[in-house]
Amino acid sequence: VGVVAGSLVSEGKVGLDAKAGLLRDGVVSYEGTIVLLSILIDNVVFVNGGLECGIGLSDYKDIKEGDTIEILGVVEV
């Protein structure tokens, strides 16, 4: 997978294969998909808000401390 970012899901839910954008200093520097989600050493399919996890992004290895990963989802109304 490459680089895995130690992350905290602040709200909502993160799912494997979800569309994501990485913000650095308020600017979107990456858009792609989540290819890895893990809790401790176990790979998982989703992570609920309030939990810490590892997130791997497809074809992106320049994750730095302070970056924000936003999950882009579609909500049917």
Protein backbone atom coordinates (compact mmCIF):
# COMPACT_ATOMS: atom_id res chain seq x y z
CA VAL A 1 0.00 0.00 0.00
CA GLY A 2 2.82 2.41 0.76
CA VAL A 3 2.22 5.20 3.27
CA VAL A 4 -0.47 4.76 5.92
CA ALA A 5 -1.65 7.85 7.79
CA GLY A 6 -2.47 7.49 11.48
CA SER A 7 -5.86 9.15 11.67
CA LEU A 8 -8.80 9.99 13.90
CA VAL A 9 -12.28 9.87 12.35
CA SER A 10 -13.81 13.04 13.77
CA GLU A 11 -17.40 12.39 12.68
CA GLY A 12 -19.45 10.15 10.44
CA LYS A 13 -18.06 6.96 8.98
CA VAL A 14 -15.16 6.13 6.65
CA GLY A 15 -15.48 3.23 4.24
CA LEU A 16 -12.96 1.31 2.18
CA ASP A 17 -12.95 2.47 -1.50
CA ALA A 18 -14.53 5.82 -0.48
CA LYS A 19 -13.62 8.91 -2.47
CA ALA A 20 -11.27 11.16 -0.49
CA GLY A 21 -9.54 14.50 -0.76
CA LEU A 22 -6.39 15.52 1.11
CA LEU A 23 -6.17 19.13 2.25
CA ARG A 24 -2.88 20.77 3.14
CA ASP A 25 -3.01 24.37 4.35
CA GLY A 26 -6.62 24.62 3.13
CA VAL A 27 -5.78 23.57 -0.43
CA VAL A 28 -6.82 20.25 -1.97
CA SER A 29 -3.58 18.52 -2.95
CA TYR A 30 -4.99 15.07 -3.73
CA GLU A 31 -8.25 13.45 -4.82
CA GLY A 32 -8.59 9.69 -5.07
CA THR A 33 -9.77 6.67 -3.13
CA ILE A 34 -9.07 4.96 0.17
CA VAL A 35 -7.33 1.64 -0.48
CA LEU A 36 -6.58 0.62 3.11
CA LEU A 37 -8.35 1.01 6.43
CA SER A 38 -6.98 -0.60 9.56
CA ILE A 39 -7.59 -0.61 13.28
CA LEU A 40 -4.50 -1.76 15.16
CA ILE A 41 -3.22 -4.59 12.94
CA ASP A 42 -6.58 -5.64 11.46
CA ASN A 43 -7.77 -4.49 8.04
CA VAL A 44 -11.39 -3.32 8.20
CA VAL A 45 -14.13 -2.29 5.77
CA PHE A 46 -15.32 0.80 7.67
CA VAL A 47 -14.44 2.92 10.71
CA ASN A 48 -16.97 4.89 12.76
CA GLY A 49 -16.49 8.41 14.08
CA GLY A 50 -14.46 8.77 17.28
CA LEU A 51 -12.08 5.91 16.45
CA GLU A 52 -8.42 6.00 15.49
CA CYS A 53 -7.34 4.11 12.38
CA GLY A 54 -4.79 3.86 9.61
CA ILE A 55 -5.74 5.20 6.18
CA GLY A 56 -3.93 4.43 2.93
CA LEU A 57 -4.65 6.47 -0.20
CA SER A 58 -4.29 5.17 -3.75
CA ASP A 59 -1.15 6.36 -5.55
CA TYR A 60 -0.31 9.02 -2.94
CA LYS A 61 2.65 8.89 -0.56
CA ASP A 62 3.21 12.52 0.46
CA ILE A 63 1.05 12.55 3.61
CA LYS A 64 2.34 14.89 6.31
CA GLU A 65 1.41 15.66 9.90
CA GLY A 66 -1.41 18.21 9.98
CA ASP A 67 -2.97 17.14 6.67
CA THR A 68 -6.74 16.63 6.65
CA ILE A 69 -8.39 13.81 4.73
CA GLU A 70 -12.00 14.57 3.80
CA ILE A 71 -14.28 11.75 2.75
CA LEU A 72 -16.46 12.65 -0.21
CA GLY A 73 -19.74 10.79 -0.04
CA VAL A 74 -23.05 10.77 -1.82
CA VAL A 75 -26.16 11.03 0.34
CA GLU A 76 -29.47 10.02 -1.19
CA VAL A 77 -32.42 12.16 -0.09
